Amino acid sequence: MFFNQCLVRIFGCMGLIAFMEGFSPIQQALIAGMFTWFMTALGAGLVYFFKEVNRKVLDAMLGFAGGVMIAASFWSLLAPALELSEGKSLPIWFPALVGFMLGGISMRIIDMFLPHLHPGAPPEETEGVKTSWHRSMLLVSAITLHNVPEGLAVGVAFGAAASGLPGATVGTAIALAIGIGIQNFPEGAAVSLPLRREGLSRKQSFVWGQLSATVEPIAAVLGAALVIAAAPILPYALAFAAGAMIFVVAEELIPEAHRGGNGDIATMGVMIGFSVMMVLDVAFG
């Protein structure tokens, strides 16, 4: 309890929760989405100081990002979805299950058709429909692909907070935004630094790196608007965002983190990321 209060005071000294409560859920989602974009831009800015990051460090950061997203999927999305489903005619697990699976299936469909290439992968591993896109565009496309569910998750969380559900508060939505923002930092570096190695200038690499996260504020606003306009779908929407994020972790982040042969380091990154997000969510909640 004391540790939780310390964390809230550390972040609350700027009046984060009180500040955010002064805005509508749509505005809250936009502000949070802009924050997660800014963190990506901050990570992309590393390209001005480095041409590449040590592979062990990169794998640890990717593992950390995966851990944050796994924890956020449960603590900030699935748990509130289950709580919202209590006392309804359907089994408590049904909305969470349907939403979760739909989120993963939707990401799989997009993954099948959107041309993209994961960082560190050879050109022959390009996924999606055949295209003449340059390798740099395929790298940006890959990062953009999994920024969509992150933005959606943030927006849905703020929309859920407007429902008045005890388990879905502005505090937990802020914790989710902070967690995703933290893991967006290495993601920004993971796209801008490979672009630099591809021959783009530092400025071009930075621009494309931060551009990959501009979908997050848009997805956040759409997510918040959706659950506010159709409150009955809220548990499905929360679980949908969770399913989409877990798909990204399993399909992209963890395999990428293990690609460099640093599996133990990547796994510890996952554990640390999960722990950080869990503590943030419980403290703010």
Protein backbone atom coordinates (compact mmCIF):
# COMPACT_ATOMS: atom_id res chain seq x y z
CA MET A 1 0.00 0.00 0.00
CA PHE A 2 2.79 2.40 0.94
CA PHE A 3 4.64 1.60 -2.33
CA ASN A 4 1.46 2.25 -4.32
CA GLN A 5 1.00 5.62 -2.62
CA CYS A 6 4.61 6.54 -3.37
CA LEU A 7 4.16 5.76 -7.07
CA VAL A 8 0.94 7.74 -7.28
CA ARG A 9 2.65 10.70 -5.61
CA ILE A 10 5.65 10.48 -7.93
CA PHE A 11 3.45 10.72 -11.00
CA GLY A 12 0.63 12.59 -9.27
CA CYS A 13 2.87 15.49 -8.26
CA MET A 14 1.96 16.93 -11.66
CA GLY A 15 -1.68 16.25 -10.99
CA LEU A 16 -1.95 13.77 -13.87
CA ILE A 17 -5.21 12.19 -12.80
CA ALA A 18 -6.81 15.48 -11.77
CA PHE A 19 -5.56 17.10 -14.97
CA MET A 20 -6.98 14.36 -17.20
CA GLU A 21 -10.32 14.29 -15.40
CA GLY A 22 -10.85 17.85 -16.56
CA PHE A 23 -11.28 16.66 -20.14
CA SER A 24 -13.87 14.58 -21.95
CA PRO A 25 -13.02 10.91 -22.67
CA ILE A 26 -12.35 11.77 -26.34
CA GLN A 27 -9.96 14.54 -25.35
CA GLN A 28 -8.31 12.27 -22.79
CA ALA A 29 -7.75 9.64 -25.47
CA LEU A 30 -6.27 12.23 -27.82
CA ILE A 31 -3.89 13.56 -25.15
CA ALA A 32 -2.80 10.05 -24.21
CA GLY A 33 -2.38 9.09 -27.87
CA MET A 34 -0.22 12.15 -28.45
CA PHE A 35 1.90 11.14 -25.46
CA THR A 36 2.48 7.62 -26.83
CA TRP A 37 3.36 9.15 -30.22
CA PHE A 38 5.80 11.54 -28.52
CA MET A 39 7.57 8.64 -26.79
CA THR A 40 7.98 6.93 -30.15
CA ALA A 41 9.40 10.15 -31.61
CA LEU A 42 11.76 10.38 -28.64
CA GLY A 43 13.03 6.87 -29.35
CA ALA A 44 13.33 7.62 -33.06
CA GLY A 45 15.43 10.64 -32.12
CA LEU A 46 18.23 8.31 -31.03
CA VAL A 47 19.15 8.17 -34.70
CA TYR A 48 20.75 11.61 -34.29
CA PHE A 49 23.22 10.14 -31.78
CA PHE A 50 23.70 6.54 -32.89
CA LYS A 51 23.73 4.66 -36.16
CA GLU A 52 22.88 1.37 -34.49
CA VAL A 53 22.13 -0.07 -31.06
CA ASN A 54 23.92 -3.04 -29.53
CA ARG A 55 21.90 -6.13 -30.46
CA LYS A 56 21.66 -7.28 -26.85
CA VAL A 57 20.26 -3.92 -25.81
CA LEU A 58 17.76 -3.95 -28.69
CA ASP A 59 16.59 -7.47 -27.84
CA ALA A 60 16.16 -6.50 -24.19
CA MET A 61 14.12 -3.44 -25.22
CA LEU A 62 11.92 -5.49 -27.56
CA GLY A 63 11.37 -8.05 -24.79
CA PHE A 64 10.51 -5.22 -22.39
CA ALA A 65 7.95 -3.87 -24.88
CA GLY A 66 6.40 -7.32 -25.17
CA GLY A 67 6.17 -7.69 -21.39
CA VAL A 68 4.44 -4.31 -21.05
CA MET A 69 1.89 -5.25 -23.70
CA ILE A 70 1.17 -8.66 -22.15
CA ALA A 71 0.57 -7.12 -18.72
CA ALA A 72 -1.50 -4.29 -20.17
CA SER A 73 -3.64 -6.77 -22.06
CA PHE A 74 -4.75 -8.41 -18.83
CA TRP A 75 -4.62 -5.78 -16.12
CA SER A 76 -5.98 -2.86 -18.16
CA LEU A 77 -8.20 -4.63 -20.70
CA LEU A 78 -9.25 -8.24 -20.02
CA ALA A 79 -9.81 -7.85 -16.27
CA PRO A 80 -12.18 -4.85 -16.74
CA ALA A 81 -13.91 -6.74 -19.59
CA LEU A 82 -14.60 -9.67 -17.27
CA GLU A 83 -15.81 -7.35 -14.52
CA LEU A 84 -18.19 -5.62 -16.93
CA SER A 85 -19.68 -8.97 -17.91
CA GLU A 86 -20.70 -9.93 -14.38
CA GLY A 87 -24.41 -10.34 -13.75
CA LYS A 88 -25.36 -10.48 -17.43
CA SER A 89 -27.36 -13.16 -19.24
CA LEU A 90 -24.29 -14.47 -21.06
CA PRO A 91 -21.50 -16.40 -19.28
CA ILE A 92 -18.99 -14.00 -17.76
CA TRP A 93 -16.21 -15.30 -20.01
CA PHE A 94 -18.13 -15.05 -23.28
CA PRO A 95 -17.63 -11.34 -24.22
CA ALA A 96 -13.94 -11.49 -23.26
CA LEU A 97 -13.40 -14.65 -25.29
CA VAL A 98 -15.22 -13.37 -28.38
CA GLY A 99 -13.55 -9.96 -28.28
CA PHE A 100 -10.11 -11.43 -27.62
CA MET A 101 -10.31 -13.86 -30.54
CA LEU A 102 -11.73 -11.23 -32.89
CA GLY A 103 -8.84 -8.93 -32.03
CA GLY A 104 -6.29 -11.59 -32.90
CA ILE A 105 -8.12 -12.67 -36.07
CA SER A 106 -8.40 -9.06 -37.27
CA MET A 107 -4.67 -8.52 -36.82
CA ARG A 108 -3.96 -11.77 -38.64
CA ILE A 109 -6.05 -10.65 -41.62
CA ILE A 110 -4.24 -7.31 -41.76
CA ASP A 111 -0.93 -9.14 -41.35
CA MET A 112 -1.77 -11.34 -44.34
CA PHE A 113 -2.44 -8.46 -46.71
CA LEU A 114 -0.43 -5.41 -45.54
CA PRO A 115 3.10 -5.52 -47.03
CA HIS A 116 5.64 -5.31 -44.20
CA LEU A 117 9.06 -6.52 -43.09
CA HIS A 118 10.09 -7.00 -39.49
CA PRO A 119 13.29 -5.24 -38.36
CA GLY A 120 16.31 -7.52 -38.75
CA ALA A 121 14.56 -9.83 -41.18
CA PRO A 122 15.99 -10.51 -44.67
CA PRO A 123 14.05 -9.20 -47.70
CA GLU A 124 12.76 -12.68 -48.59
CA GLU A 125 10.75 -12.69 -45.34
CA THR A 126 8.55 -9.80 -46.49
CA GLU A 127 4.95 -10.53 -45.51
CA GLY A 128 1.64 -9.49 -47.05
CA VAL A 129 0.75 -9.07 -50.69
CA LYS A 130 3.56 -8.66 -53.20
CA THR A 131 4.66 -5.07 -53.65
CA SER A 132 7.39 -2.92 -55.14
CA TRP A 133 7.75 -0.96 -51.89
CA HIS A 134 11.30 -0.19 -50.85
CA ARG A 135 12.67 -2.04 -47.81
CA SER A 136 12.48 1.14 -45.72
CA MET A 137 8.74 1.48 -46.38
CA LEU A 138 8.22 -2.17 -45.44
CA LEU A 139 10.01 -1.60 -42.11
CA VAL A 140 7.83 1.44 -41.34
CA SER A 141 4.73 -0.54 -42.30
CA ALA A 142 5.63 -3.31 -39.82
CA ILE A 143 5.92 -0.91 -36.87
CA THR A 144 2.79 1.00 -37.91
CA LEU A 145 0.88 -2.29 -37.98
CA HIS A 146 1.28 -2.91 -34.27
CA ASN A 147 0.91 0.72 -33.24
CA VAL A 148 -2.78 0.55 -34.22
CA PRO A 149 -3.87 -1.85 -31.43
CA GLU A 150 -1.78 0.10 -28.92
CA GLY A 151 -3.62 3.32 -29.76
CA LEU A 152 -6.94 1.48 -29.80
CA ALA A 153 -6.24 0.02 -26.36
CA VAL A 154 -5.54 3.46 -24.89
CA GLY A 155 -8.72 4.94 -26.38
CA VAL A 156 -10.89 2.04 -25.25
CA ALA A 157 -9.46 2.32 -21.73
CA PHE A 158 -10.46 5.99 -21.46
CA GLY A 159 -13.84 5.22 -22.96
CA ALA A 160 -14.28 2.46 -20.37
CA ALA A 161 -13.39 4.89 -17.58
CA ALA A 162 -16.35 7.02 -18.63
CA SER A 163 -18.64 4.05 -17.91
CA GLY A 164 -18.07 4.47 -14.19
CA LEU A 165 -16.92 0.87 -13.71
CA PRO A 166 -14.72 0.67 -10.58
CA GLY A 167 -12.17 -1.50 -12.35
CA ALA A 168 -11.89 0.90 -15.30
CA THR A 169 -10.80 4.32 -14.07
CA VAL A 170 -8.98 7.29 -15.49
CA GLY A 171 -6.06 6.24 -13.32
CA THR A 172 -5.81 2.79 -14.91
CA ALA A 173 -6.16 4.32 -18.38
CA ILE A 174 -3.32 6.72 -17.57
CA ALA A 175 -1.22 3.76 -16.34
CA LEU A 176 -1.88 1.99 -19.64
CA ALA A 177 -0.87 5.08 -21.63
CA ILE A 178 2.33 5.46 -19.57
CA GLY A 179 3.19 1.79 -20.01
CA ILE A 180 2.63 1.86 -23.76
CA GLY A 181 4.51 5.14 -23.99
CA ILE A 182 7.52 3.62 -22.19
CA GLN A 183 7.63 0.64 -24.54
CA ASN A 184 7.15 2.91 -27.56
CA PHE A 185 10.57 4.43 -26.89
CA PRO A 186 12.51 1.33 -28.01
CA GLU A 187 10.03 0.82 -30.84
CA GLY A 188 10.89 4.25 -32.21
CA ALA A 189 14.57 3.35 -32.15
CA ALA A 190 13.80 -0.06 -33.66
CA VAL A 191 12.47 1.58 -36.82
CA SER A 192 14.63 4.72 -37.20
CA LEU A 193 18.02 3.04 -36.68
CA PRO A 194 17.47 0.30 -39.31
CA LEU A 195 16.32 3.01 -41.72
CA ARG A 196 19.57 4.86 -41.09
CA ARG A 197 21.51 1.69 -41.89
CA GLU A 198 19.46 1.39 -45.08
CA GLY A 199 21.05 4.64 -46.26
CA LEU A 200 18.45 7.24 -45.30
CA SER A 201 19.66 10.47 -43.73
CA ARG A 202 19.28 11.05 -40.00
CA LYS A 203 16.40 13.46 -40.63
CA GLN A 204 14.60 11.06 -42.98
CA SER A 205 15.08 8.18 -40.55
CA PHE A 206 13.66 10.23 -37.69
CA VAL A 207 10.69 11.47 -39.72
CA TRP A 208 9.71 7.98 -40.84
CA GLY A 209 10.36 6.57 -37.35
CA GLN A 210 8.00 8.95 -35.60
CA LEU A 211 5.52 8.80 -38.47
CA SER A 212 4.94 5.13 -37.72
CA ALA A 213 3.23 6.14 -34.44
CA THR A 214 0.95 8.87 -35.81
CA VAL A 215 -1.76 6.22 -36.09
CA GLU A 216 -1.89 5.94 -32.29
CA PRO A 217 -3.71 9.23 -31.51
CA ILE A 218 -6.14 8.47 -34.36
CA ALA A 219 -6.79 4.92 -33.14
CA ALA A 220 -7.12 6.18 -29.54
CA VAL A 221 -9.82 8.70 -30.46
CA LEU A 222 -11.68 6.12 -32.56
CA GLY A 223 -11.53 3.57 -29.74
CA ALA A 224 -12.87 6.00 -27.15
CA ALA A 225 -15.62 7.24 -29.48
CA LEU A 226 -16.69 3.69 -30.30
CA VAL A 227 -17.20 2.53 -26.73
CA ILE A 228 -18.92 5.78 -25.73
CA ALA A 229 -21.33 5.56 -28.67
CA ALA A 230 -22.08 1.87 -28.06
CA ALA A 231 -21.66 1.12 -24.35
CA PRO A 232 -22.97 -2.50 -24.58
CA ILE A 233 -19.96 -3.48 -26.70
CA LEU A 234 -17.49 -2.19 -24.11
CA PRO A 235 -16.37 -5.62 -22.79
CA TYR A 236 -15.97 -6.86 -26.36
CA ALA A 237 -13.96 -3.74 -27.30
CA LEU A 238 -11.66 -4.08 -24.28
CA ALA A 239 -11.01 -7.74 -25.07
CA PHE A 240 -10.60 -6.96 -28.79
CA ALA A 241 -7.77 -4.53 -27.99
CA ALA A 242 -6.18 -7.15 -25.71
CA GLY A 243 -6.36 -9.82 -28.40
CA ALA A 244 -4.83 -7.49 -30.98
CA MET A 245 -1.93 -6.64 -28.67
CA ILE A 246 -1.24 -10.25 -27.71
CA PHE A 247 -1.16 -11.15 -31.41
CA VAL A 248 1.46 -8.47 -32.00
CA VAL A 249 3.57 -9.71 -29.08
CA ALA A 250 3.44 -13.35 -30.20
CA GLU A 251 3.76 -12.65 -33.93
CA GLU A 252 6.33 -9.87 -33.92
CA LEU A 253 7.95 -8.63 -30.72
CA ILE A 254 9.06 -11.88 -29.09
CA PRO A 255 10.28 -13.51 -32.35
CA GLU A 256 12.18 -10.30 -33.20
CA ALA A 257 13.71 -10.20 -29.71
CA HIS A 258 14.97 -13.78 -30.14
CA ARG A 259 16.24 -13.28 -33.69
CA GLY A 260 19.64 -12.04 -32.50
CA GLY A 261 20.32 -15.14 -30.40
CA ASN A 262 19.86 -13.35 -27.08
CA GLY A 263 16.87 -15.33 -25.85
CA ASP A 264 17.73 -15.13 -22.13
CA ILE A 265 18.18 -11.36 -22.26
CA ALA A 266 14.95 -10.93 -24.22
CA THR A 267 13.07 -13.11 -21.74
CA MET A 268 14.31 -11.06 -18.79
CA GLY A 269 13.18 -7.97 -20.70
CA VAL A 270 9.69 -9.50 -20.94
CA MET A 271 9.66 -10.20 -17.19
CA ILE A 272 10.77 -6.66 -16.32
CA GLY A 273 8.30 -5.08 -18.75
CA PHE A 274 5.44 -7.15 -17.35
CA SER A 275 6.40 -6.20 -13.78
CA VAL A 276 6.61 -2.49 -14.58
CA MET A 277 3.19 -2.45 -16.26
CA MET A 278 1.60 -4.52 -13.48
CA VAL A 279 2.89 -2.16 -10.81
CA LEU A 280 1.80 0.91 -12.76
CA ASP A 281 -1.71 -0.44 -13.27
CA VAL A 282 -2.20 -1.55 -9.66
CA ALA A 283 -0.72 1.69 -8.29
CA PHE A 284 -2.88 3.97 -10.45
CA GLY A 285 -5.93 1.74 -10.14
